[in-house]
Amino acid sequence: MNLKTPTLTVVGAGPGDLALITLKAIKAIESADVILYDALVNKALLDYAPKEVELIFVGKRRGCYAFQQEQINELIVAKAKEKGHVVRLKGGDPFIFGRGAEEIDYVKPFGLETFVVPGISSATAVPAYQGIPLTKRGASESFWVITGTTKNHQLSTDVALAANSTATVVILMGMHKLDEIVSVFSKENKQDMPVAIIQNGTTPDEKVAIGTINTIQQIVKEKRLSSPAIIVIGEVVNQRSVLSSISNDVAFA
């Protein structure tokens, strides 16, 4: 009989680099009885879990659905009542297109205690690792972070609004909508706007394409980029700094 309080902690696992995890996230993983983890989570993070923990892969990326969202919601409740502390481990930050809030909303009526541990979002970290500042004086005063696909599988109408602004535009989960995105920006006469597309950002498998709205589709084909990737559109791409590898070259005292 389980005497532990049924608990859900939604944890952000960061963008991919194992070192980009918070201390609080590690503590949550270390205290878990069950961990439900997504496809984009660095599996090395699971090494922090207790030996007796139950690990459940629940998929959750385009073309990879080990469980549907409704099944995940139900599984969280069932495992929390059975074993106690469920950690829902999600890539990036769970409250930025991560459905973390949806899962918390679902489980609360079942009496679960709920907590969230923010993660480092891929929306900001992945461009940073490429030396791209999302804001910089003289280049951009703000930035948009937009999902490439809405709930009804259409391109978000916010892309057109963002294209009409001077802001940096960061599009997540948008590679399969690249043609539409290029069309939207072209209609705003922004064919020469710089674009960066970063696949598997912050990981050893990182690939990068740099071009303009007019050229990026061809460059993506030549470099054979695919999902998961982040699209960055704006003058800040031209501000890209040449950085040494943070993980390899920075000496920590």
Protein backbone atom coordinates (compact mmCIF):
# COMPACT_ATOMS: atom_id res chain seq x y z
CA MET A 1 0.00 0.00 0.00
CA ASN A 2 1.38 3.39 -1.03
CA LEU A 3 1.58 5.83 1.89
CA LYS A 4 3.25 8.60 -0.11
CA THR A 5 1.35 11.72 -1.11
CA PRO A 6 0.46 11.49 -4.83
CA THR A 7 2.60 14.21 -6.41
CA LEU A 8 3.40 15.50 -9.88
CA THR A 9 6.48 17.58 -10.58
CA VAL A 10 6.73 18.91 -14.12
CA VAL A 11 10.42 19.36 -14.85
CA GLY A 12 12.16 21.22 -17.67
CA ALA A 13 15.10 19.19 -18.95
CA GLY A 14 16.68 22.00 -20.97
CA PRO A 15 17.52 22.11 -24.68
CA GLY A 16 19.77 19.05 -24.96
CA ASP A 17 23.19 19.76 -23.48
CA LEU A 18 23.40 17.63 -20.34
CA ALA A 19 25.02 20.49 -18.41
CA LEU A 20 22.09 22.83 -19.07
CA ILE A 21 19.99 21.37 -16.27
CA THR A 22 19.11 23.14 -13.04
CA LEU A 23 20.02 21.90 -9.58
CA LYS A 24 16.34 21.85 -8.68
CA ALA A 25 15.58 19.65 -11.67
CA ILE A 26 18.26 17.17 -10.56
CA LYS A 27 16.80 17.09 -7.05
CA ALA A 28 13.36 16.35 -8.48
CA ILE A 29 14.73 13.51 -10.60
CA GLU A 30 16.61 12.10 -7.61
CA SER A 31 13.42 12.02 -5.55
CA ALA A 32 11.18 10.47 -8.21
CA ASP A 33 9.32 7.18 -7.88
CA VAL A 34 8.25 7.30 -11.54
CA ILE A 35 9.63 9.35 -14.44
CA LEU A 36 7.68 9.94 -17.63
CA TYR A 37 10.09 11.38 -20.19
CA ASP A 38 9.78 12.78 -23.69
CA ALA A 39 11.71 12.06 -26.89
CA LEU A 40 13.72 15.30 -26.81
CA VAL A 41 15.06 14.73 -23.28
CA ASN A 42 18.75 13.88 -22.97
CA LYS A 43 18.54 10.32 -21.63
CA ALA A 44 21.74 10.81 -19.63
CA LEU A 45 19.62 12.84 -17.18
CA LEU A 46 17.95 9.59 -16.17
CA ASP A 47 21.23 8.55 -14.55
CA TYR A 48 20.33 10.92 -11.69
CA ALA A 49 17.25 8.82 -10.90
CA PRO A 50 17.15 6.26 -8.06
CA LYS A 51 17.85 2.66 -9.09
CA GLU A 52 14.33 1.56 -8.19
CA VAL A 53 12.59 4.31 -10.18
CA GLU A 54 10.13 3.31 -12.91
CA LEU A 55 11.08 4.89 -16.24
CA ILE A 56 8.38 5.33 -18.88
CA PHE A 57 9.10 6.73 -22.33
CA VAL A 58 6.07 8.66 -23.58
CA GLY A 59 7.37 9.98 -26.90
CA LYS A 60 5.91 13.37 -27.77
CA ARG A 61 7.61 14.73 -30.87
CA ARG A 62 6.48 15.00 -34.47
CA GLY A 63 6.12 11.49 -35.90
CA CYS A 64 6.87 9.89 -32.53
CA TYR A 65 3.91 9.32 -30.24
CA ALA A 66 4.43 6.47 -27.80
CA PHE A 67 1.35 7.78 -25.95
CA GLN A 68 -1.37 10.26 -26.81
CA GLN A 69 -1.71 13.25 -24.47
CA GLU A 70 -4.89 11.90 -22.90
CA GLN A 71 -3.11 8.64 -22.10
CA ILE A 72 -0.20 10.50 -20.54
CA ASN A 73 -2.58 12.48 -18.34
CA GLU A 74 -4.25 9.31 -17.11
CA LEU A 75 -0.92 7.57 -16.60
CA ILE A 76 0.35 10.40 -14.39
CA VAL A 77 -2.65 10.07 -12.09
CA ALA A 78 -2.48 6.29 -11.96
CA LYS A 79 1.25 6.16 -11.21
CA ALA A 80 1.08 8.94 -8.61
CA LYS A 81 -1.63 7.10 -6.71
CA GLU A 82 0.25 3.82 -7.04
CA LYS A 83 3.80 4.95 -6.22
CA GLY A 84 3.87 8.57 -5.03
CA HIS A 85 6.11 11.07 -6.79
CA VAL A 86 5.79 11.29 -10.57
CA VAL A 87 8.31 13.46 -12.43
CA ARG A 88 7.17 14.54 -15.88
CA LEU A 89 10.45 15.27 -17.66
CA LYS A 90 10.10 17.53 -20.69
CA GLY A 91 12.58 19.06 -23.10
CA GLY A 92 13.31 22.78 -22.78
CA ASP A 93 10.90 24.62 -20.50
CA PRO A 94 7.63 22.77 -19.81
CA PHE A 95 5.56 25.96 -19.87
CA ILE A 96 6.74 27.00 -23.35
CA PHE A 97 4.81 24.84 -25.83
CA GLY A 98 5.39 21.90 -23.51
CA ARG A 99 1.83 21.20 -22.28
CA GLY A 100 3.08 21.31 -18.71
CA ALA A 101 0.21 23.55 -17.62
CA GLU A 102 -2.32 21.23 -19.32
CA GLU A 103 -1.04 18.24 -17.38
CA ILE A 104 -1.14 20.10 -14.09
CA ASP A 105 -4.70 21.25 -14.81
CA TYR A 106 -5.73 17.66 -15.54
CA VAL A 107 -4.30 16.06 -12.39
CA LYS A 108 -5.36 18.63 -9.80
CA PRO A 109 -8.99 17.42 -9.52
CA PHE A 110 -7.61 13.97 -8.62
CA GLY A 111 -5.95 15.34 -5.48
CA LEU A 112 -2.33 15.36 -6.63
CA GLU A 113 0.08 17.91 -5.25
CA THR A 114 1.70 19.72 -8.17
CA PHE A 115 5.00 21.49 -8.69
CA VAL A 116 6.93 22.86 -11.64
CA VAL A 117 10.66 23.24 -12.20
CA PRO A 118 11.35 25.67 -15.05
CA GLY A 119 13.90 24.64 -17.65
CA ILE A 120 16.25 26.50 -19.95
CA SER A 121 14.20 26.99 -23.10
CA SER A 122 15.56 25.91 -26.46
CA ALA A 123 14.03 29.11 -27.86
CA THR A 124 16.77 31.17 -26.20
CA ALA A 125 19.57 28.70 -25.52
CA VAL A 126 19.92 27.23 -29.00
CA PRO A 127 20.45 30.60 -30.74
CA ALA A 128 22.79 31.64 -27.91
CA TYR A 129 25.00 28.59 -28.50
CA GLN A 130 25.34 29.80 -32.09
CA GLY A 131 26.26 33.29 -30.92
CA ILE A 132 22.93 34.75 -32.02
CA PRO A 133 21.50 37.33 -29.57
CA LEU A 134 17.72 37.49 -29.82
CA THR A 135 17.89 41.15 -28.82
CA LYS A 136 20.66 43.63 -29.46
CA ARG A 137 20.71 47.39 -29.52
CA GLY A 138 20.38 48.62 -33.07
CA ALA A 139 19.19 45.26 -34.37
CA SER A 140 16.17 44.10 -32.35
CA GLU A 141 14.20 45.47 -29.42
CA SER A 142 12.03 42.40 -28.86
CA PHE A 143 11.42 38.83 -29.95
CA TRP A 144 8.50 36.52 -30.66
CA VAL A 145 8.49 32.81 -29.85
CA ILE A 146 5.88 31.06 -31.97
CA THR A 147 4.86 27.46 -32.50
CA GLY A 148 5.11 26.32 -36.09
CA THR A 149 1.86 24.41 -35.89
CA THR A 150 -1.33 25.15 -33.98
CA LYS A 151 -3.71 22.61 -32.47
CA ASN A 152 -5.53 22.29 -35.79
CA HIS A 153 -2.22 21.63 -37.59
CA GLN A 154 -2.17 25.02 -39.33
CA LEU A 155 0.59 27.61 -39.35
CA SER A 156 0.02 30.07 -36.53
CA THR A 157 -1.49 33.37 -37.68
CA ASP A 158 0.97 35.04 -35.30
CA VAL A 159 3.72 34.34 -37.86
CA ALA A 160 2.18 36.92 -40.21
CA LEU A 161 1.88 39.44 -37.38
CA ALA A 162 5.49 38.86 -36.39
CA ALA A 163 6.65 39.15 -39.99
CA ASN A 164 5.10 42.61 -40.08
CA SER A 165 7.15 43.71 -37.06
CA THR A 166 10.81 44.54 -36.52
CA ALA A 167 11.18 41.87 -33.84
CA THR A 168 13.32 38.75 -33.96
CA VAL A 169 11.10 35.76 -34.73
CA VAL A 170 11.85 32.34 -33.22
CA ILE A 171 9.72 29.48 -34.54
CA LEU A 172 9.68 26.13 -32.77
CA MET A 173 8.47 22.93 -34.41
CA GLY A 174 8.25 24.71 -37.75
CA MET A 175 10.45 22.79 -40.18
CA HIS A 176 7.52 21.10 -41.92
CA LYS A 177 5.99 24.56 -42.38
CA LEU A 178 9.15 26.18 -43.76
CA ASP A 179 7.70 26.78 -47.21
CA GLU A 180 4.70 28.57 -45.70
CA ILE A 181 6.91 30.61 -43.37
CA VAL A 182 9.07 31.75 -46.29
CA SER A 183 5.94 32.71 -48.20
CA VAL A 184 4.61 34.81 -45.30
CA PHE A 185 7.86 36.79 -44.96
CA SER A 186 8.19 37.17 -48.73
CA LYS A 187 4.76 38.81 -48.85
CA GLU A 188 6.16 41.42 -46.44
CA ASN A 189 9.03 42.08 -48.89
CA LYS A 190 11.54 40.55 -46.49
CA GLN A 191 13.28 38.24 -48.97
CA ASP A 192 16.67 39.49 -47.75
CA MET A 193 15.92 39.02 -44.05
CA PRO A 194 18.61 36.84 -42.41
CA VAL A 195 17.58 33.37 -41.24
CA ALA A 196 19.29 30.73 -39.11
CA ILE A 197 18.01 27.19 -38.74
CA ILE A 198 19.59 25.09 -36.01
CA GLN A 199 18.97 21.36 -35.76
CA ASN A 200 19.68 19.39 -32.55
CA GLY A 201 20.87 22.59 -30.90
CA THR A 202 23.36 22.43 -27.98
CA THR A 203 24.10 18.75 -28.71
CA PRO A 204 27.08 17.07 -30.45
CA ASP A 205 24.78 16.46 -33.46
CA GLU A 206 24.07 20.17 -33.96
CA LYS A 207 23.73 21.33 -37.58
CA VAL A 208 23.28 24.93 -38.75
CA ALA A 209 22.04 26.63 -41.91
CA ILE A 210 22.50 30.38 -42.34
CA GLY A 211 20.85 32.26 -45.19
CA THR A 212 18.03 34.62 -46.03
CA ILE A 213 14.31 34.17 -46.59
CA ASN A 214 15.14 33.96 -50.29
CA THR A 215 17.85 31.29 -49.96
CA ILE A 216 17.15 29.27 -46.81
CA GLN A 217 15.06 26.53 -48.42
CA GLN A 218 17.85 25.59 -50.82
CA ILE A 219 20.46 25.73 -48.05
CA VAL A 220 18.34 23.44 -45.87
CA LYS A 221 18.16 20.92 -48.73
CA GLU A 222 21.90 21.09 -49.33
CA LYS A 223 22.71 20.60 -45.64
CA ARG A 224 19.92 18.04 -45.22
CA LEU A 225 18.48 19.65 -42.12
CA SER A 226 15.32 18.28 -40.57
CA SER A 227 13.40 18.28 -37.29
CA PRO A 228 13.97 18.92 -34.45
CA ALA A 229 15.16 22.39 -35.41
CA ILE A 230 14.64 26.00 -34.44
CA ILE A 231 14.12 28.78 -36.97
CA VAL A 232 15.47 32.25 -36.13
CA ILE A 233 14.49 35.12 -38.41
CA GLY A 234 15.78 38.66 -37.99
CA GLU A 235 18.67 41.09 -38.29
CA VAL A 236 20.25 39.56 -35.17
CA VAL A 237 21.37 36.59 -37.27
CA ASN A 238 23.87 38.98 -38.88
CA GLN A 239 25.10 39.80 -35.37
CA ARG A 240 26.22 36.21 -34.92
CA SER A 241 29.40 35.94 -32.90
CA VAL A 242 32.04 33.30 -33.43
CA LEU A 243 32.11 31.45 -30.13
CA SER A 244 34.33 28.67 -28.88
CA SER A 245 32.53 25.63 -27.58
CA ILE A 246 31.31 26.53 -24.11
CA SER A 247 31.39 22.95 -22.89
CA ASN A 248 34.93 22.25 -24.11
CA ASP A 249 36.85 25.50 -23.87
CA VAL A 250 35.63 27.38 -20.82
CA ALA A 251 37.74 26.70 -17.74
CA PHE A 252 35.60 26.67 -14.62
CA ALA A 253 37.30 27.70 -11.42
